Amino acid sequence: MVKIRLRRMGTRNRPFYRVVVSESKKVPTSSAIEEVGFYDPTQGVAAGKLDVERVRYWLDNGALMSPTVKRLYRHHAKSVA
Protein backbone atom coordinates (compact mmCIF):
# COMPACT_ATOMS: atom_id res chain seq x y z
CA MET A 1 0.00 0.00 0.00
CA VAL A 2 1.26 3.47 -0.86
CA LYS A 3 1.09 6.30 1.69
CA ILE A 4 1.67 10.02 1.53
CA ARG A 5 3.44 10.98 4.72
CA LEU A 6 6.09 13.20 6.27
CA ARG A 7 9.81 12.48 6.37
CA ARG A 8 11.66 14.33 9.10
CA MET A 9 14.71 16.30 8.06
CA GLY A 10 16.60 19.15 9.71
CA THR A 11 18.58 19.17 12.90
CA ARG A 12 17.80 18.72 16.55
CA ASN A 13 15.21 21.25 17.74
CA ARG A 14 14.85 22.56 14.14
CA PRO A 15 12.51 20.10 12.43
CA PHE A 16 11.80 20.29 8.73
CA TYR A 17 9.63 17.81 6.86
CA ARG A 18 9.39 16.61 3.29
CA VAL A 19 6.06 15.27 2.07
CA VAL A 20 6.84 11.97 0.36
CA VAL A 21 5.01 9.15 -1.36
CA SER A 22 6.35 5.80 -0.19
CA GLU A 23 5.44 2.22 0.59
CA SER A 24 3.71 1.89 3.95
CA LYS A 25 5.80 -1.11 4.98
CA LYS A 26 9.07 0.82 4.65
CA VAL A 27 10.36 3.15 7.33
CA PRO A 28 9.72 6.85 6.59
CA THR A 29 13.44 7.57 6.21
CA SER A 30 13.91 4.99 3.44
CA SER A 31 13.83 5.84 -0.24
CA ALA A 32 10.64 7.43 -1.49
CA ILE A 33 8.74 6.97 -4.73
CA GLU A 34 8.28 10.73 -5.09
CA GLU A 35 8.65 13.94 -3.08
CA VAL A 36 5.58 16.12 -3.46
CA GLY A 37 6.31 19.00 -1.09
CA PHE A 38 7.78 20.26 2.16
CA TYR A 39 6.57 21.63 5.50
CA ASP A 40 8.28 23.77 8.14
CA PRO A 41 6.32 23.48 11.42
CA THR A 42 8.27 26.30 13.07
CA GLN A 43 6.70 28.74 10.57
CA GLY A 44 3.12 27.39 10.64
CA VAL A 45 0.85 25.60 8.15
CA ALA A 46 1.33 28.20 5.44
CA ALA A 47 5.13 27.80 5.53
CA GLY A 48 5.36 24.96 3.10
CA LYS A 49 4.66 23.93 -0.42
CA LEU A 50 2.60 21.04 -1.69
CA ASP A 51 2.15 19.94 -5.29
CA VAL A 52 -1.62 19.52 -5.12
CA GLU A 53 -1.88 18.02 -8.62
CA ARG A 54 0.61 15.24 -7.82
CA VAL A 55 -1.13 14.52 -4.51
CA ARG A 56 -4.45 14.22 -6.35
CA TYR A 57 -2.81 11.86 -8.85
CA TRP A 58 -1.57 9.60 -6.05
CA LEU A 59 -4.93 9.71 -4.26
CA ASP A 60 -6.68 8.67 -7.48
CA ASN A 61 -4.28 5.74 -7.69
CA GLY A 62 -5.12 4.50 -4.19
CA ALA A 63 -2.62 6.22 -1.92
CA LEU A 64 -3.59 7.07 1.65
CA MET A 65 -2.61 10.24 3.53
CA SER A 66 -1.40 10.60 7.08
CA PRO A 67 -3.52 12.93 9.27
CA THR A 68 -0.96 15.74 9.16
CA VAL A 69 -0.61 15.54 5.38
CA LYS A 70 -4.40 15.58 5.10
CA ARG A 71 -4.48 18.86 7.06
CA LEU A 72 -1.75 20.36 4.87
CA TYR A 73 -3.54 19.19 1.73
CA ARG A 74 -6.81 20.82 2.79
CA HIS A 75 -5.00 24.09 3.49
CA HIS A 76 -3.12 24.12 0.16
CA ALA A 77 -6.08 22.90 -1.91
CA LYS A 78 -8.14 25.85 -0.63
CA SER A 79 -5.45 28.35 -1.59
CA VAL A 80 -5.09 26.85 -5.10
CA ALA A 81 -8.82 26.72 -5.87
PDB file of N, CA and C in Angstrom:
ATOM      1  N   MET A   1       0.842  -1.166   0.000  1.00  0.00           N
ATOM      2  CA  MET A   1       0.000   0.000   0.000  1.00  0.00           C
ATOM      3  C   MET A   1       0.897   1.241   0.000  1.00  0.00           C
ATOM      4  N   VAL A   2       0.493   2.239  -0.745  1.00  0.00           N
ATOM      5  CA  VAL A   2       1.258   3.474  -0.861  1.00  0.00           C
ATOM      6  C   VAL A   2       0.656   4.528   0.067  1.00  0.00           C
ATOM      7  N   LYS A   3       1.528   5.252   0.769  1.00  0.00           N
ATOM      8  CA  LYS A   3       1.089   6.295   1.687  1.00  0.00           C
ATOM      9  C   LYS A   3       1.784   7.601   1.366  1.00  0.00           C
ATOM     10  N   ILE A   4       1.084   8.686   1.619  1.00  0.00           N
ATOM     11  CA  ILE A   4       1.666  10.021   1.530  1.00  0.00           C
ATOM     12  C   ILE A   4       1.878  10.471   2.963  1.00  0.00           C
ATOM     13  N   ARG A   5       3.134  10.672   3.331  1.00  0.00           N
ATOM     14  CA  ARG A   5       3.443  10.984   4.723  1.00  0.00           C
ATOM     15  C   ARG A   5       4.644  11.914   4.812  1.00  0.00           C
ATOM     16  N   LEU A   6       4.994  12.271   6.043  1.00  0.00           N
ATOM     17  CA  LEU A   6       6.088  13.197   6.267  1.00  0.00           C
ATOM     18  C   LEU A   6       7.381  12.451   6.552  1.00  0.00           C
ATOM     19  N   ARG A   7       8.485  12.992   6.057  1.00  0.00           N
ATOM     20  CA  ARG A   7       9.814  12.479   6.370  1.00  0.00           C
ATOM     21  C   ARG A   7      10.550  13.588   7.099  1.00  0.00           C
ATOM     22  N   ARG A   8      10.991  13.312   8.302  1.00  0.00           N
ATOM     23  CA  ARG A   8      11.657  14.332   9.101  1.00  0.00           C
ATOM     24  C   ARG A   8      13.075  14.581   8.594  1.00  0.00           C
ATOM     25  N   MET A   9      13.381  15.859   8.445  1.00  0.00           N
ATOM     26  CA  MET A   9      14.714  16.296   8.064  1.00  0.00           C
ATOM     27  C   MET A   9      15.137  17.350   9.089  1.00  0.00           C
ATOM     28  N   GLY A  10      16.181  18.070   8.816  1.00  0.00           N
ATOM     29  CA  GLY A  10      16.602  19.147   9.705  1.00  0.00           C
ATOM     30  C   GLY A  10      17.480  18.644  10.829  1.00  0.00           C
ATOM     31  N   THR A  11      17.712  19.502  11.786  1.00  0.00           N
ATOM     32  CA  THR A  11      18.581  19.175  12.899  1.00  0.00           C
ATOM     33  C   THR A  11      17.770  19.076  14.187  1.00  0.00           C
ATOM     34  N   ARG A  12      18.463  18.807  15.255  1.00  0.00           N
ATOM     35  CA  ARG A  12      17.803  18.720  16.548  1.00  0.00           C
ATOM     36  C   ARG A  12      17.206  20.074  16.905  1.00  0.00           C
ATOM     37  N   ASN A  13      15.976  20.053  17.372  1.00  0.00           N
ATOM     38  CA  ASN A  13      15.209  21.251  17.737  1.00  0.00           C
ATOM     39  C   ASN A  13      14.894  22.171  16.559  1.00  0.00           C
ATOM     40  N   ARG A  14      15.181  21.781  15.340  1.00  0.00           N
ATOM     41  CA  ARG A  14      14.851  22.564  14.142  1.00  0.00           C
ATOM     42  C   ARG A  14      14.262  21.624  13.097  1.00  0.00           C
ATOM     43  N   PRO A  15      13.068  21.086  13.352  1.00  0.00           N
ATOM     44  CA  PRO A  15      12.508  20.096  12.425  1.00  0.00           C
ATOM     45  C   PRO A  15      12.103  20.724  11.092  1.00  0.00           C
ATOM     46  N   PHE A  16      12.202  19.924  10.073  1.00  0.00           N
ATOM     47  CA  PHE A  16      11.796  20.295   8.726  1.00  0.00           C
ATOM     48  C   PHE A  16      11.324  19.000   8.089  1.00  0.00           C
ATOM     49  N   TYR A  17      10.207  19.029   7.404  1.00  0.00           N
ATOM     50  CA  TYR A  17       9.632  17.805   6.864  1.00  0.00           C
ATOM     51  C   TYR A  17       9.487  17.879   5.359  1.00  0.00           C
ATOM     52  N   ARG A  18       9.701  16.757   4.701  1.00  0.00           N
ATOM     53  CA  ARG A  18       9.388  16.607   3.291  1.00  0.00           C
ATOM     54  C   ARG A  18       8.152  15.723   3.199  1.00  0.00           C
ATOM     55  N   VAL A  19       7.257  16.074   2.300  1.00  0.00           N
ATOM     56  CA  VAL A  19       6.057  15.274   2.071  1.00  0.00           C
ATOM     57  C   VAL A  19       6.423  14.289   0.966  1.00  0.00           C
ATOM     58  N   VAL A  20       6.388  12.990   1.297  1.00  0.00           N
ATOM     59  CA  VAL A  20       6.838  11.972   0.359  1.00  0.00           C
ATOM     60  C   VAL A  20       5.758  10.925   0.127  1.00  0.00           C
ATOM     61  N   VAL A  21       5.853  10.285  -1.023  1.00  0.00           N
ATOM     62  CA  VAL A  21       5.005   9.148  -1.358  1.00  0.00           C
ATOM     63  C   VAL A  21       5.896   7.925  -1.244  1.00  0.00           C
ATOM     64  N   SER A  22       5.529   6.979  -0.379  1.00  0.00           N
ATOM     65  CA  SER A  22       6.355   5.798  -0.188  1.00  0.00           C
ATOM     66  C   SER A  22       5.502   4.601   0.203  1.00  0.00           C
ATOM     67  N   GLU A  23       6.113   3.446   0.173  1.00  0.00           N
ATOM     68  CA  GLU A  23       5.444   2.219   0.589  1.00  0.00           C
ATOM     69  C   GLU A  23       5.212   2.265   2.098  1.00  0.00           C
ATOM     70  N   SER A  24       4.056   1.811   2.531  1.00  0.00           N
ATOM     71  CA  SER A  24       3.709   1.889   3.946  1.00  0.00           C
ATOM     72  C   SER A  24       4.541   0.932   4.797  1.00  0.00           C
ATOM     73  N   LYS A  25       5.034  -0.139   4.205  1.00  0.00           N
ATOM     74  CA  LYS A  25       5.804  -1.114   4.980  1.00  0.00           C
ATOM     75  C   LYS A  25       7.243  -0.682   5.209  1.00  0.00           C
ATOM     76  N   LYS A  26       7.706   0.319   4.469  1.00  0.00           N
ATOM     77  CA  LYS A  26       9.067   0.825   4.651  1.00  0.00           C
ATOM     78  C   LYS A  26       9.073   1.903   5.718  1.00  0.00           C
ATOM     79  N   VAL A  27      10.236   2.086   6.344  1.00  0.00           N
ATOM     80  CA  VAL A  27      10.362   3.149   7.331  1.00  0.00           C
ATOM     81  C   VAL A  27      10.328   4.500   6.613  1.00  0.00           C
ATOM     82  N   PRO A  28       9.847   5.555   7.272  1.00  0.00           N
ATOM     83  CA  PRO A  28       9.718   6.851   6.594  1.00  0.00           C
ATOM     84  C   PRO A  28      11.037   7.427   6.080  1.00  0.00           C
ATOM     85  N   THR A  29      12.158   7.022   6.654  1.00  0.00           N
ATOM     86  CA  THR A  29      13.440   7.571   6.214  1.00  0.00           C
ATOM     87  C   THR A  29      14.040   6.805   5.036  1.00  0.00           C
ATOM     88  N   SER A  30      13.384   5.747   4.580  1.00  0.00           N
ATOM     89  CA  SER A  30      13.907   4.989   3.438  1.00  0.00           C
ATOM     90  C   SER A  30      13.619   5.738   2.140  1.00  0.00           C
ATOM     91  N   SER A  31      14.027   5.167   1.042  1.00  0.00           N
ATOM     92  CA  SER A  31      13.834   5.839  -0.243  1.00  0.00           C
ATOM     93  C   SER A  31      12.341   6.007  -0.542  1.00  0.00           C
ATOM     94  N   ALA A  32      12.036   7.116  -1.185  1.00  0.00           N
ATOM     95  CA  ALA A  32      10.637   7.433  -1.488  1.00  0.00           C
ATOM     96  C   ALA A  32      10.385   7.262  -2.977  1.00  0.00           C
ATOM     97  N   ILE A  33       9.131   7.044  -3.326  1.00  0.00           N
ATOM     98  CA  ILE A  33       8.738   6.966  -4.730  1.00  0.00           C
ATOM     99  C   ILE A  33       8.808   8.360  -5.339  1.00  0.00           C
ATOM    100  N   GLU A  34       8.295   9.356  -4.590  1.00  0.00           N
ATOM    101  CA  GLU A  34       8.285  10.733  -5.090  1.00  0.00           C
ATOM    102  C   GLU A  34       8.170  11.704  -3.919  1.00  0.00           C
ATOM    103  N   GLU A  35       8.818  12.857  -4.044  1.00  0.00           N
ATOM    104  CA  GLU A  35       8.653  13.939  -3.079  1.00  0.00           C
ATOM    105  C   GLU A  35       7.671  14.937  -3.672  1.00  0.00           C
ATOM    106  N   VAL A  36       6.623  15.254  -2.931  1.00  0.00           N
ATOM    107  CA  VAL A  36       5.578  16.123  -3.461  1.00  0.00           C
ATOM    108  C   VAL A  36       5.470  17.456  -2.717  1.00  0.00           C
ATOM    109  N   GLY A  37       6.360  17.726  -1.777  1.00  0.00           N
ATOM    110  CA  GLY A  37       6.308  19.000  -1.092  1.00  0.00           C
ATOM    111  C   GLY A  37       7.172  19.026   0.147  1.00  0.00           C
ATOM    112  N   PHE A  38       7.054  20.120   0.906  1.00  0.00           N
ATOM    113  CA  PHE A  38       7.777  20.255   2.158  1.00  0.00           C
ATOM    114  C   PHE A  38       6.935  21.031   3.149  1.00  0.00           C
ATOM    115  N   TYR A  39       7.329  20.987   4.426  1.00  0.00           N
ATOM    116  CA  TYR A  39       6.575  21.632   5.502  1.00  0.00           C
ATOM    117  C   TYR A  39       7.537  22.021   6.612  1.00  0.00           C
ATOM    118  N   ASP A  40       7.464  23.273   7.048  1.00  0.00           N
ATOM    119  CA  ASP A  40       8.284  23.770   8.143  1.00  0.00           C
ATOM    120  C   ASP A  40       7.360  24.107   9.313  1.00  0.00           C
ATOM    121  N   PRO A  41       7.268  23.252  10.327  1.00  0.00           N
ATOM    122  CA  PRO A  41       6.318  23.482  11.421  1.00  0.00           C
ATOM    123  C   PRO A  41       6.668  24.686  12.288  1.00  0.00           C
ATOM    124  N   THR A  42       7.904  25.141  12.257  1.00  0.00           N
ATOM    125  CA  THR A  42       8.267  26.304  13.066  1.00  0.00           C
ATOM    126  C   THR A  42       7.666  27.586  12.500  1.00  0.00           C
ATOM    127  N   GLN A  43       7.272  27.568  11.222  1.00  0.00           N
ATOM    128  CA  GLN A  43       6.699  28.745  10.574  1.00  0.00           C
ATOM    129  C   GLN A  43       5.181  28.670  10.430  1.00  0.00           C
ATOM    130  N   GLY A  44       4.570  27.535  10.736  1.00  0.00           N
ATOM    131  CA  GLY A  44       3.121  27.387  10.641  1.00  0.00           C
ATOM    132  C   GLY A  44       2.707  26.597   9.410  1.00  0.00           C
ATOM    133  N   VAL A  45       1.396  26.410   9.240  1.00  0.00           N
ATOM    134  CA  VAL A  45       0.853  25.596   8.148  1.00  0.00           C
ATOM    135  C   VAL A  45       1.164  26.214   6.793  1.00  0.00           C
ATOM    136  N   ALA A  46       1.121  27.533   6.721  1.00  0.00           N
ATOM    137  CA  ALA A  46       1.332  28.200   5.437  1.00  0.00           C
ATOM    138  C   ALA A  46       2.785  28.142   4.980  1.00  0.00           C
ATOM    139  N   ALA A  47       3.708  27.829   5.878  1.00  0.00           N
ATOM    140  CA  ALA A  47       5.130  27.802   5.527  1.00  0.00           C
ATOM    141  C   ALA A  47       5.495  26.441   4.958  1.00  0.00           C
ATOM    142  N   GLY A  48       5.058  26.203   3.770  1.00  0.00           N
ATOM    143  CA  GLY A  48       5.358  24.960   3.104  1.00  0.00           C
ATOM    144  C   GLY A  48       4.815  25.011   1.700  1.00  0.00           C
ATOM    145  N   LYS A  49       5.139  23.991   0.951  1.00  0.00           N
ATOM    146  CA  LYS A  49       4.660  23.930  -0.424  1.00  0.00           C
ATOM    147  C   LYS A  49       4.222  22.497  -0.676  1.00  0.00           C
ATOM    148  N   LEU A  50       3.128  22.358  -1.386  1.00  0.00           N
ATOM    149  CA  LEU A  50       2.598  21.040  -1.691  1.00  0.00           C
ATOM    150  C   LEU A  50       2.121  21.044  -3.134  1.00  0.00           C
ATOM    151  N   ASP A  51       2.581  20.071  -3.899  1.00  0.00           N
ATOM    152  CA  ASP A  51       2.154  19.944  -5.289  1.00  0.00           C
ATOM    153  C   ASP A  51       0.802  19.237  -5.285  1.00  0.00           C
ATOM    154  N   VAL A  52      -0.261  20.036  -5.277  1.00  0.00           N
ATOM    155  CA  VAL A  52      -1.621  19.523  -5.120  1.00  0.00           C
ATOM    156  C   VAL A  52      -1.992  18.580  -6.265  1.00  0.00           C
ATOM    157  N   GLU A  53      -1.559  18.877  -7.468  1.00  0.00           N
ATOM    158  CA  GLU A  53      -1.882  18.024  -8.620  1.00  0.00           C
ATOM    159  C   GLU A  53      -1.271  16.634  -8.471  1.00  0.00           C
ATOM    160  N   ARG A  54      -0.035  16.546  -8.010  1.00  0.00           N
ATOM    161  CA  ARG A  54       0.606  15.239  -7.820  1.00  0.00           C
ATOM    162  C   ARG A  54      -0.043  14.471  -6.669  1.00  0.00           C
ATOM    163  N   VAL A  55      -0.448  15.187  -5.626  1.00  0.00           N
ATOM    164  CA  VAL A  55      -1.130  14.516  -4.514  1.00  0.00           C
ATOM    165  C   VAL A  55      -2.454  13.958  -4.999  1.00  0.00           C
ATOM    166  N   ARG A  56      -3.193  14.730  -5.794  1.00  0.00           N
ATOM    167  CA  ARG A  56      -4.454  14.219  -6.350  1.00  0.00           C
ATOM    168  C   ARG A  56      -4.221  13.000  -7.223  1.00  0.00           C
ATOM    169  N   TYR A  57      -3.146  13.017  -8.008  1.00  0.00           N
ATOM    170  CA  TYR A  57      -2.808  11.859  -8.847  1.00  0.00           C
ATOM    171  C   TYR A  57      -2.608  10.615  -7.986  1.00  0.00           C
ATOM    172  N   TRP A  58      -1.832  10.747  -6.914  1.00  0.00           N
ATOM    173  CA  TRP A  58      -1.569   9.597  -6.055  1.00  0.00           C
ATOM    174  C   TRP A  58      -2.825   9.145  -5.312  1.00  0.00           C
ATOM    175  N   LEU A  59      -3.673  10.085  -4.921  1.00  0.00           N
ATOM    176  CA  LEU A  59      -4.925   9.709  -4.256  1.00  0.00           C
ATOM    177  C   LEU A  59      -5.840   8.953  -5.212  1.00  0.00           C
ATOM    178  N   ASP A  60      -5.881   9.376  -6.474  1.00  0.00           N
ATOM    179  CA  ASP A  60      -6.682   8.671  -7.478  1.00  0.00           C
ATOM    180  C   ASP A  60      -6.169   7.268  -7.729  1.00  0.00           C
ATOM    181  N   ASN A  61      -4.875   7.055  -7.485  1.00  0.00           N
ATOM    182  CA  ASN A  61      -4.284   5.737  -7.691  1.00  0.00           C
ATOM    183  C   ASN A  61      -4.236   4.910  -6.417  1.00  0.00           C
ATOM    184  N   GLY A  62      -4.954   5.326  -5.379  1.00  0.00           N
ATOM    185  CA  GLY A  62      -5.117   4.497  -4.193  1.00  0.00           C
ATOM    186  C   GLY A  62      -4.213   4.800  -3.020  1.00  0.00           C
ATOM    187  N   ALA A  63      -3.478   5.884  -3.048  1.00  0.00           N
ATOM    188  CA  ALA A  63      -2.617   6.219  -1.915  1.00  0.00           C
ATOM    189  C   ALA A  63      -3.449   6.747  -0.757  1.00  0.00           C
ATOM    190  N   LEU A  64      -2.955   6.557   0.436  1.00  0.00           N
ATOM    191  CA  LEU A  64      -3.593   7.074   1.648  1.00  0.00           C
ATOM    192  C   LEU A  64      -2.717   8.160   2.249  1.00  0.00           C
ATOM    193  N   MET A  65      -3.350   9.143   2.905  1.00  0.00           N
ATOM    194  CA  MET A  65      -2.610  10.240   3.528  1.00  0.00           C
ATOM    195  C   MET A  65      -2.563  10.075   5.040  1.00  0.00           C
ATOM    196  N   SER A  66      -1.466  10.536   5.630  1.00  0.00           N
ATOM    197  CA  SER A  66      -1.398  10.599   7.081  1.00  0.00           C
ATOM    198  C   SER A  66      -2.258  11.779   7.536  1.00  0.00           C
ATOM    199  N   PRO A  67      -2.664  11.830   8.796  1.00  0.00           N
ATOM    200  CA  PRO A  67      -3.521  12.926   9.267  1.00  0.00           C
ATOM    201  C   PRO A  67      -2.896  14.315   9.076  1.00  0.00           C
ATOM    202  N   THR A  68      -1.606  14.451   9.310  1.00  0.00           N
ATOM    203  CA  THR A  68      -0.955  15.744   9.157  1.00  0.00           C
ATOM    204  C   THR A  68      -0.909  16.162   7.698  1.00  0.00           C
ATOM    205  N   VAL A  69      -0.629  15.234   6.805  1.00  0.00           N
ATOM    206  CA  VAL A  69      -0.606  15.542   5.381  1.00  0.00           C
ATOM    207  C   VAL A  69      -2.012  15.901   4.909  1.00  0.00           C
ATOM    208  N   LYS A  70      -3.021  15.263   5.463  1.00  0.00           N
ATOM    209  CA  LYS A  70      -4.403  15.583   5.100  1.00  0.00           C
ATOM    210  C   LYS A  70      -4.728  17.030   5.467  1.00  0.00           C
ATOM    211  N   ARG A  71      -4.269  17.478   6.630  1.00  0.00           N
ATOM    212  CA  ARG A  71      -4.482  18.859   7.065  1.00  0.00           C
ATOM    213  C   ARG A  71      -3.745  19.828   6.145  1.00  0.00           C
ATOM    214  N   LEU A  72      -2.512  19.517   5.788  1.00  0.00           N
ATOM    215  CA  LEU A  72      -1.747  20.359   4.866  1.00  0.00           C
ATOM    216  C   LEU A  72      -2.408  20.409   3.494  1.00  0.00           C
ATOM    217  N   TYR A  73      -2.898  19.263   3.036  1.00  0.00           N
ATOM    218  CA  TYR A  73      -3.545  19.189   1.732  1.00  0.00           C
ATOM    219  C   TYR A  73      -4.787  20.071   1.697  1.00  0.00           C
ATOM    220  N   ARG A  74      -5.612  19.997   2.747  1.00  0.00           N
ATOM    221  CA  ARG A  74      -6.811  20.821   2.793  1.00  0.00           C
ATOM    222  C   ARG A  74      -6.469  22.308   2.754  1.00  0.00           C
ATOM    223  N   HIS A  75      -5.418  22.695   3.466  1.00  0.00           N
ATOM    224  CA  HIS A  75      -5.001  24.092   3.488  1.00  0.00           C
ATOM    225  C   HIS A  75      -4.518  24.548   2.099  1.00  0.00           C
ATOM    226  N   HIS A  76      -3.686  23.740   1.452  1.00  0.00           N
ATOM    227  CA  HIS A  76      -3.124  24.120   0.158  1.00  0.00           C
ATOM    228  C   HIS A  76      -4.145  23.987  -0.966  1.00  0.00           C
ATOM    229  N   ALA A  77      -5.063  23.047  -0.873  1.00  0.00           N
ATOM    230  CA  ALA A  77      -6.082  22.902  -1.911  1.00  0.00           C
ATOM    231  C   ALA A  77      -7.023  24.102  -1.906  1.00  0.00           C
ATOM    232  N   LYS A  78      -7.302  24.662  -0.731  1.00  0.00           N
ATOM    233  CA  LYS A  78      -8.144  25.853  -0.629  1.00  0.00           C
ATOM    234  C   LYS A  78      -7.468  27.053  -1.284  1.00  0.00           C
ATOM    235  N   SER A  79      -6.158  27.190  -1.050  1.00  0.00           N
ATOM    236  CA  SER A  79      -5.446  28.349  -1.591  1.00  0.00           C
ATOM    237  C   SER A  79      -5.267  28.258  -3.089  1.00  0.00           C
ATOM    238  N   VAL A  80      -5.237  27.039  -3.649  1.00  0.00           N
ATOM    239  CA  VAL A  80      -5.089  26.854  -5.102  1.00  0.00           C
ATOM    240  C   VAL A  80      -6.401  27.102  -5.804  1.00  0.00           C
ATOM    241  N   ALA A  81      -7.495  26.613  -5.222  1.00  0.00           N
ATOM    242  CA  ALA A  81      -8.821  26.716  -5.874  1.00  0.00           C
ATOM    243  C   ALA A  81      -9.407  28.081  -5.855  1.00  0.00           C
TER     244      ALA A  81
END
